[in-house]
């Protein structure tokens, strides 16, 4: 199973880092998948519902503000990605990670620069991570 993973919140000054991990069904097409940063919040939310409904597997991993402060932001982003991957109810045959850096995993792993625009699974992971983080941040402001 090919898993896409991406994180959000890396450059933020507040809140946690959130990573998504997604395995898509190759027989089902989810229209509009792309980098979550290039979408409106409304479009992200709408497509996230399709991802949640149609993905074979999906999960979220979070690194807290305290963990970010105790390690560094890159290590915390890798921790969030590891958590998302290990939370999946399947074992990956390949993990595709957005960007240049990849977390240490016991599975074959490949980094894909601009993967959130090139790989469906990474795009889907980016979207669900962003929707989840947006909900967390909305909770902070309530």
N, C-alpha and C. Protein backbone atom coordinates (compact mmCIF):
# COMPACT_ATOMS: atom_id res chain seq x y z
N UNK A 1 0.83 -1.18 0.00
CA UNK A 1 0.00 0.00 0.00
C UNK A 1 0.87 1.25 0.00
N UNK A 2 0.62 2.13 -0.92
CA UNK A 2 1.34 3.39 -1.02
C UNK A 2 0.65 4.43 -0.14
N UNK A 3 1.40 5.04 0.77
CA UNK A 3 0.87 6.04 1.70
C UNK A 3 1.48 7.38 1.36
N UNK A 4 0.65 8.41 1.32
CA UNK A 4 1.14 9.78 1.20
C UNK A 4 1.08 10.43 2.56
N UNK A 5 2.09 11.23 2.90
CA UNK A 5 2.11 11.92 4.19
C UNK A 5 2.59 13.35 4.00
N UNK A 6 1.96 14.26 4.74
CA UNK A 6 2.36 15.67 4.70
C UNK A 6 1.98 16.28 6.04
N UNK A 7 2.68 17.37 6.38
CA UNK A 7 2.37 18.08 7.62
C UNK A 7 2.01 19.52 7.32
N UNK A 8 1.32 20.12 8.29
CA UNK A 8 0.98 21.54 8.22
C UNK A 8 1.33 22.18 9.55
N UNK A 9 1.57 23.47 9.52
CA UNK A 9 1.88 24.21 10.73
C UNK A 9 3.35 24.41 10.97
N UNK A 10 4.18 24.01 10.03
CA UNK A 10 5.63 24.09 10.20
C UNK A 10 6.11 25.53 10.38
N UNK A 11 5.53 26.46 9.66
CA UNK A 11 5.97 27.85 9.75
C UNK A 11 5.11 28.72 10.65
N UNK A 12 4.17 28.12 11.36
CA UNK A 12 3.26 28.89 12.21
C UNK A 12 3.92 29.26 13.53
N UNK A 13 3.45 30.34 14.10
CA UNK A 13 3.96 30.79 15.39
C UNK A 13 3.14 30.24 16.55
N UNK A 14 2.01 29.63 16.26
CA UNK A 14 1.14 29.11 17.32
C UNK A 14 0.58 27.76 16.91
N UNK A 15 0.22 26.99 17.91
CA UNK A 15 -0.47 25.73 17.67
C UNK A 15 0.46 24.57 17.37
N UNK A 16 -0.15 23.40 17.20
CA UNK A 16 0.62 22.17 16.97
C UNK A 16 0.99 21.99 15.51
N UNK A 17 1.87 21.02 15.28
CA UNK A 17 2.12 20.52 13.92
C UNK A 17 1.17 19.35 13.73
N UNK A 18 0.53 19.28 12.59
CA UNK A 18 -0.41 18.21 12.30
C UNK A 18 -0.01 17.56 10.99
N UNK A 19 0.06 16.23 11.00
CA UNK A 19 0.39 15.47 9.80
C UNK A 19 -0.78 14.58 9.43
N UNK A 20 -0.98 14.42 8.15
CA UNK A 20 -1.97 13.48 7.64
C UNK A 20 -1.27 12.37 6.89
N UNK A 21 -1.85 11.18 6.93
CA UNK A 21 -1.37 10.04 6.15
C UNK A 21 -2.59 9.44 5.46
N UNK A 22 -2.46 9.16 4.16
CA UNK A 22 -3.61 8.70 3.38
C UNK A 22 -3.20 7.60 2.41
N UNK A 23 -4.06 6.58 2.33
CA UNK A 23 -3.98 5.55 1.29
C UNK A 23 -5.25 5.70 0.47
N UNK A 24 -5.10 5.97 -0.82
CA UNK A 24 -6.26 6.13 -1.69
C UNK A 24 -6.54 4.86 -2.47
N UNK A 25 -7.79 4.72 -2.85
CA UNK A 25 -8.24 3.62 -3.71
C UNK A 25 -7.97 4.06 -5.15
N UNK A 26 -7.14 3.33 -5.87
CA UNK A 26 -6.80 3.72 -7.25
C UNK A 26 -8.00 3.65 -8.18
N UNK A 27 -9.04 2.94 -7.80
CA UNK A 27 -10.24 2.82 -8.63
C UNK A 27 -11.21 3.98 -8.44
N UNK A 28 -10.94 4.81 -7.44
CA UNK A 28 -11.84 5.94 -7.16
C UNK A 28 -11.08 7.24 -7.34
N UNK A 29 -11.67 8.16 -8.08
CA UNK A 29 -11.04 9.44 -8.33
C UNK A 29 -11.67 10.50 -7.44
N UNK A 30 -10.85 11.22 -6.71
CA UNK A 30 -11.33 12.35 -5.92
C UNK A 30 -10.95 13.61 -6.68
N UNK A 31 -11.94 14.31 -7.19
CA UNK A 31 -11.70 15.51 -7.98
C UNK A 31 -11.17 16.65 -7.12
N UNK A 32 -10.22 17.39 -7.66
CA UNK A 32 -9.74 18.61 -7.02
C UNK A 32 -8.58 18.45 -6.06
N UNK A 33 -7.98 17.27 -6.00
CA UNK A 33 -6.83 17.09 -5.10
C UNK A 33 -5.66 17.95 -5.56
N UNK A 34 -5.10 18.71 -4.62
CA UNK A 34 -3.90 19.52 -4.88
C UNK A 34 -3.38 20.04 -3.55
N UNK A 35 -2.34 20.82 -3.59
CA UNK A 35 -1.72 21.39 -2.40
C UNK A 35 -2.78 22.16 -1.60
N UNK A 36 -2.91 21.84 -0.33
CA UNK A 36 -3.94 22.47 0.51
C UNK A 36 -3.75 23.98 0.62
N UNK A 37 -2.51 24.45 0.50
CA UNK A 37 -2.24 25.89 0.61
C UNK A 37 -2.81 26.67 -0.57
N UNK A 38 -3.13 25.99 -1.65
CA UNK A 38 -3.64 26.65 -2.85
C UNK A 38 -5.16 26.59 -2.93
N UNK A 39 -5.81 26.20 -1.83
CA UNK A 39 -7.26 26.04 -1.81
C UNK A 39 -7.88 26.94 -0.75
N UNK A 40 -9.11 27.32 -0.98
CA UNK A 40 -9.85 28.05 0.05
C UNK A 40 -10.22 27.07 1.16
N UNK A 41 -10.50 27.59 2.33
CA UNK A 41 -10.88 26.71 3.44
C UNK A 41 -12.17 25.95 3.11
N UNK A 42 -13.07 26.58 2.41
CA UNK A 42 -14.32 25.92 2.01
C UNK A 42 -14.04 24.75 1.06
N UNK A 43 -13.17 24.96 0.08
CA UNK A 43 -12.82 23.89 -0.88
C UNK A 43 -12.10 22.74 -0.17
N UNK A 44 -11.17 23.09 0.75
CA UNK A 44 -10.48 22.05 1.52
C UNK A 44 -11.46 21.21 2.31
N UNK A 45 -12.38 21.86 2.99
CA UNK A 45 -13.35 21.13 3.81
C UNK A 45 -14.20 20.20 2.94
N UNK A 46 -14.67 20.70 1.80
CA UNK A 46 -15.50 19.88 0.91
C UNK A 46 -14.74 18.65 0.42
N UNK A 47 -13.51 18.85 -0.03
CA UNK A 47 -12.72 17.72 -0.54
C UNK A 47 -12.31 16.79 0.60
N UNK A 48 -12.10 17.34 1.79
CA UNK A 48 -11.74 16.48 2.92
C UNK A 48 -12.84 15.47 3.20
N UNK A 49 -14.09 15.86 3.01
CA UNK A 49 -15.19 14.93 3.23
C UNK A 49 -15.14 13.77 2.24
N UNK A 50 -14.76 14.07 0.99
CA UNK A 50 -14.58 13.01 -0.02
C UNK A 50 -13.42 12.10 0.37
N UNK A 51 -12.34 12.69 0.87
CA UNK A 51 -11.19 11.88 1.29
C UNK A 51 -11.58 10.96 2.43
N UNK A 52 -12.23 11.51 3.46
CA UNK A 52 -12.64 10.69 4.60
C UNK A 52 -13.57 9.56 4.16
N UNK A 53 -14.45 9.83 3.19
CA UNK A 53 -15.41 8.82 2.72
C UNK A 53 -14.79 7.78 1.79
N UNK A 54 -13.83 8.20 0.95
CA UNK A 54 -13.37 7.33 -0.13
C UNK A 54 -11.98 6.73 0.06
N UNK A 55 -11.18 7.29 0.95
CA UNK A 55 -9.83 6.74 1.15
C UNK A 55 -9.93 5.34 1.75
N UNK A 56 -8.99 4.49 1.39
CA UNK A 56 -8.94 3.16 1.99
C UNK A 56 -8.55 3.28 3.46
N UNK A 57 -7.56 4.16 3.74
CA UNK A 57 -7.11 4.40 5.10
C UNK A 57 -6.68 5.85 5.20
N UNK A 58 -6.88 6.44 6.36
CA UNK A 58 -6.36 7.78 6.64
C UNK A 58 -6.14 7.91 8.14
N UNK A 59 -5.22 8.77 8.51
CA UNK A 59 -5.00 9.05 9.93
C UNK A 59 -4.32 10.40 10.09
N UNK A 60 -4.30 10.84 11.34
CA UNK A 60 -3.70 12.12 11.71
C UNK A 60 -2.67 11.85 12.80
N UNK A 61 -1.59 12.62 12.78
CA UNK A 61 -0.60 12.61 13.86
C UNK A 61 -0.31 14.04 14.26
N UNK A 62 -0.11 14.26 15.55
CA UNK A 62 0.09 15.62 16.05
C UNK A 62 1.37 15.68 16.90
N UNK A 63 2.11 16.77 16.74
CA UNK A 63 3.20 17.11 17.64
C UNK A 63 2.79 18.39 18.35
N UNK A 64 2.81 18.36 19.66
CA UNK A 64 2.33 19.48 20.45
C UNK A 64 3.32 20.63 20.48
N UNK A 65 2.83 21.78 20.94
CA UNK A 65 3.69 22.95 21.11
C UNK A 65 4.85 22.63 22.04
N UNK A 66 4.60 21.90 23.10
CA UNK A 66 5.66 21.51 24.04
C UNK A 66 6.71 20.64 23.36
N UNK A 67 6.27 19.69 22.54
CA UNK A 67 7.21 18.84 21.82
C UNK A 67 8.04 19.65 20.84
N UNK A 68 7.41 20.62 20.18
CA UNK A 68 8.13 21.49 19.24
C UNK A 68 9.22 22.25 19.98
N UNK A 69 8.88 22.76 21.17
CA UNK A 69 9.85 23.53 21.96
C UNK A 69 10.97 22.65 22.50
N UNK A 70 10.65 21.40 22.87
CA UNK A 70 11.65 20.50 23.46
C UNK A 70 12.61 19.93 22.41
N UNK A 71 12.10 19.68 21.21
CA UNK A 71 12.98 19.20 20.14
C UNK A 71 13.20 20.40 19.24
N UNK A 72 13.28 20.23 17.99
CA UNK A 72 13.24 21.35 17.06
C UNK A 72 12.06 21.13 16.14
N UNK A 73 11.73 22.13 15.36
CA UNK A 73 10.51 22.06 14.55
C UNK A 73 10.58 20.94 13.51
N UNK A 74 11.75 20.69 12.94
CA UNK A 74 11.87 19.61 11.96
C UNK A 74 11.67 18.24 12.62
N UNK A 75 12.30 18.04 13.77
CA UNK A 75 12.13 16.77 14.49
C UNK A 75 10.67 16.58 14.91
N UNK A 76 10.02 17.66 15.33
CA UNK A 76 8.61 17.58 15.72
C UNK A 76 7.72 17.26 14.52
N UNK A 77 8.05 17.81 13.35
CA UNK A 77 7.26 17.49 12.15
C UNK A 77 7.42 16.02 11.79
N UNK A 78 8.63 15.50 11.94
CA UNK A 78 8.85 14.07 11.68
C UNK A 78 8.09 13.21 12.69
N UNK A 79 8.04 13.65 13.93
CA UNK A 79 7.28 12.93 14.95
C UNK A 79 5.79 12.88 14.59
N UNK A 80 5.24 14.01 14.16
CA UNK A 80 3.83 14.04 13.76
C UNK A 80 3.58 13.10 12.57
N UNK A 81 4.51 13.09 11.61
CA UNK A 81 4.37 12.19 10.45
C UNK A 81 4.45 10.73 10.88
N UNK A 82 5.40 10.41 11.75
CA UNK A 82 5.52 9.04 12.25
C UNK A 82 4.22 8.61 12.94
N UNK A 83 3.69 9.48 13.77
CA UNK A 83 2.43 9.16 14.46
C UNK A 83 1.30 8.92 13.47
N UNK A 84 1.21 9.76 12.44
CA UNK A 84 0.14 9.58 11.44
C UNK A 84 0.30 8.23 10.74
N UNK A 85 1.50 7.88 10.37
CA UNK A 85 1.74 6.62 9.65
C UNK A 85 1.47 5.42 10.56
N UNK A 86 1.95 5.48 11.80
CA UNK A 86 1.74 4.36 12.72
C UNK A 86 0.29 4.25 13.17
N UNK A 87 -0.49 5.31 13.04
CA UNK A 87 -1.92 5.27 13.38
C UNK A 87 -2.76 4.62 12.28
N UNK A 88 -2.19 4.44 11.10
CA UNK A 88 -2.94 3.80 10.01
C UNK A 88 -3.26 2.35 10.37
N UNK A 89 -4.38 1.88 9.89
CA UNK A 89 -4.78 0.49 10.14
C UNK A 89 -4.27 -0.44 9.04
N UNK A 90 -3.11 -0.10 8.48
CA UNK A 90 -2.46 -0.92 7.46
C UNK A 90 -0.96 -0.70 7.54
N UNK A 91 -0.22 -1.60 6.92
CA UNK A 91 1.24 -1.47 6.86
C UNK A 91 1.63 -0.97 5.47
N UNK A 92 2.32 0.15 5.41
CA UNK A 92 2.71 0.69 4.10
C UNK A 92 3.76 -0.16 3.39
N UNK A 93 3.65 -0.23 2.07
CA UNK A 93 4.72 -0.82 1.28
C UNK A 93 5.68 0.28 0.82
N UNK A 94 5.16 1.52 0.75
CA UNK A 94 5.96 2.69 0.37
C UNK A 94 5.31 3.92 1.00
N UNK A 95 6.14 4.77 1.61
CA UNK A 95 5.66 6.03 2.16
C UNK A 95 6.23 7.16 1.32
N UNK A 96 5.36 7.99 0.77
CA UNK A 96 5.76 9.15 -0.02
C UNK A 96 5.57 10.38 0.84
N UNK A 97 6.65 11.12 1.06
CA UNK A 97 6.65 12.26 1.97
C UNK A 97 6.84 13.54 1.16
N UNK A 98 6.03 14.54 1.46
CA UNK A 98 6.19 15.83 0.79
C UNK A 98 7.47 16.51 1.28
N UNK A 99 8.24 17.06 0.35
CA UNK A 99 9.43 17.83 0.70
C UNK A 99 10.73 17.08 0.54
N UNK A 100 11.80 17.68 1.05
CA UNK A 100 13.14 17.11 0.93
C UNK A 100 13.48 16.15 2.06
N UNK A 101 12.96 16.45 3.24
CA UNK A 101 13.30 15.67 4.43
C UNK A 101 12.24 14.62 4.70
N UNK A 102 12.67 13.48 5.20
CA UNK A 102 11.73 12.41 5.50
C UNK A 102 12.01 11.85 6.88
N UNK A 103 10.95 11.43 7.56
CA UNK A 103 11.15 10.86 8.90
C UNK A 103 11.77 9.48 8.82
N UNK A 104 12.37 9.05 9.92
CA UNK A 104 12.92 7.69 9.99
C UNK A 104 11.75 6.74 10.20
N UNK A 105 11.65 5.77 9.31
CA UNK A 105 10.56 4.80 9.36
C UNK A 105 11.09 3.41 9.02
N UNK A 106 10.40 2.39 9.49
CA UNK A 106 10.82 1.02 9.15
C UNK A 106 10.21 0.53 7.84
N UNK A 107 9.83 1.47 6.97
CA UNK A 107 9.24 1.14 5.67
C UNK A 107 10.03 1.88 4.59
N UNK A 108 9.99 1.38 3.36
CA UNK A 108 10.59 2.16 2.27
C UNK A 108 9.94 3.55 2.21
N UNK A 109 10.76 4.58 2.11
CA UNK A 109 10.28 5.96 2.16
C UNK A 109 10.96 6.78 1.08
N UNK A 110 10.18 7.61 0.42
CA UNK A 110 10.72 8.46 -0.65
C UNK A 110 10.22 9.88 -0.43
N UNK A 111 11.13 10.85 -0.49
CA UNK A 111 10.71 12.25 -0.41
C UNK A 111 10.41 12.75 -1.82
N UNK A 112 9.37 13.57 -1.93
CA UNK A 112 8.94 14.11 -3.21
C UNK A 112 8.79 15.63 -3.05
N UNK A 113 9.70 16.39 -3.65
CA UNK A 113 9.63 17.84 -3.59
C UNK A 113 8.39 18.30 -4.34
N UNK A 114 7.62 19.16 -3.69
CA UNK A 114 6.33 19.64 -4.20
C UNK A 114 5.36 18.48 -4.41
N UNK A 115 5.49 17.46 -3.59
CA UNK A 115 4.65 16.27 -3.69
C UNK A 115 3.19 16.55 -3.49
N UNK A 116 2.86 17.62 -2.73
CA UNK A 116 1.44 17.91 -2.51
C UNK A 116 0.75 18.41 -3.77
N UNK A 117 1.51 18.73 -4.80
CA UNK A 117 0.93 19.06 -6.11
C UNK A 117 1.11 17.94 -7.13
N UNK A 118 1.94 16.93 -6.82
CA UNK A 118 2.29 15.90 -7.79
C UNK A 118 1.70 14.53 -7.49
N UNK A 119 1.48 14.22 -6.21
CA UNK A 119 1.08 12.88 -5.81
C UNK A 119 -0.27 12.96 -5.11
N UNK A 120 -1.26 12.23 -5.62
CA UNK A 120 -2.63 12.27 -5.06
C UNK A 120 -2.67 12.00 -3.57
N UNK A 121 -1.94 10.99 -3.13
CA UNK A 121 -1.97 10.62 -1.72
C UNK A 121 -1.38 11.72 -0.83
N UNK A 122 -0.33 12.38 -1.31
CA UNK A 122 0.26 13.47 -0.54
C UNK A 122 -0.69 14.67 -0.52
N UNK A 123 -1.33 14.96 -1.65
CA UNK A 123 -2.31 16.05 -1.68
C UNK A 123 -3.43 15.79 -0.68
N UNK A 124 -3.93 14.56 -0.67
CA UNK A 124 -5.01 14.21 0.26
C UNK A 124 -4.55 14.34 1.70
N UNK A 125 -3.32 13.91 1.99
CA UNK A 125 -2.78 14.03 3.34
C UNK A 125 -2.64 15.50 3.75
N UNK A 126 -2.20 16.32 2.82
CA UNK A 126 -2.06 17.75 3.07
C UNK A 126 -3.42 18.37 3.41
N UNK A 127 -4.43 17.99 2.69
CA UNK A 127 -5.78 18.55 2.89
C UNK A 127 -6.35 18.14 4.25
N UNK A 128 -6.29 16.86 4.58
CA UNK A 128 -6.90 16.46 5.86
C UNK A 128 -6.11 17.02 7.04
N UNK A 129 -4.80 17.13 6.90
CA UNK A 129 -4.00 17.72 7.98
C UNK A 129 -4.37 19.19 8.18
N UNK A 130 -4.54 19.91 7.09
CA UNK A 130 -4.88 21.34 7.18
C UNK A 130 -6.27 21.53 7.77
N UNK A 131 -7.23 20.71 7.36
CA UNK A 131 -8.58 20.82 7.90
C UNK A 131 -8.57 20.52 9.40
N UNK A 132 -7.84 19.50 9.80
CA UNK A 132 -7.73 19.15 11.21
C UNK A 132 -7.08 20.29 12.01
N UNK A 133 -5.97 20.82 11.50
CA UNK A 133 -5.28 21.90 12.21
C UNK A 133 -6.15 23.15 12.29
N UNK A 134 -6.87 23.45 11.22
CA UNK A 134 -7.78 24.60 11.25
C UNK A 134 -8.82 24.44 12.36
N UNK A 135 -9.36 23.24 12.52
CA UNK A 135 -10.35 22.98 13.58
C UNK A 135 -9.71 23.17 14.96
N UNK A 136 -8.50 22.70 15.13
CA UNK A 136 -7.79 22.88 16.41
C UNK A 136 -7.61 24.36 16.70
N UNK A 137 -7.16 25.12 15.71
CA UNK A 137 -6.90 26.54 15.90
C UNK A 137 -8.20 27.31 16.15
N UNK A 138 -9.30 26.91 15.51
CA UNK A 138 -10.60 27.52 15.78
C UNK A 138 -10.98 27.29 17.24
N UNK A 139 -10.67 26.12 17.76
CA UNK A 139 -10.96 25.82 19.16
C UNK A 139 -10.19 26.73 20.11
N UNK A 140 -8.97 27.09 19.73
CA UNK A 140 -8.18 27.99 20.58
C UNK A 140 -8.81 29.38 20.65
N UNK A 141 -9.46 29.79 19.57
CA UNK A 141 -10.00 31.15 19.52
C UNK A 141 -11.42 31.23 20.09
N UNK A 142 -12.00 30.09 20.41
CA UNK A 142 -13.39 30.10 20.92
C UNK A 142 -13.46 30.49 22.37
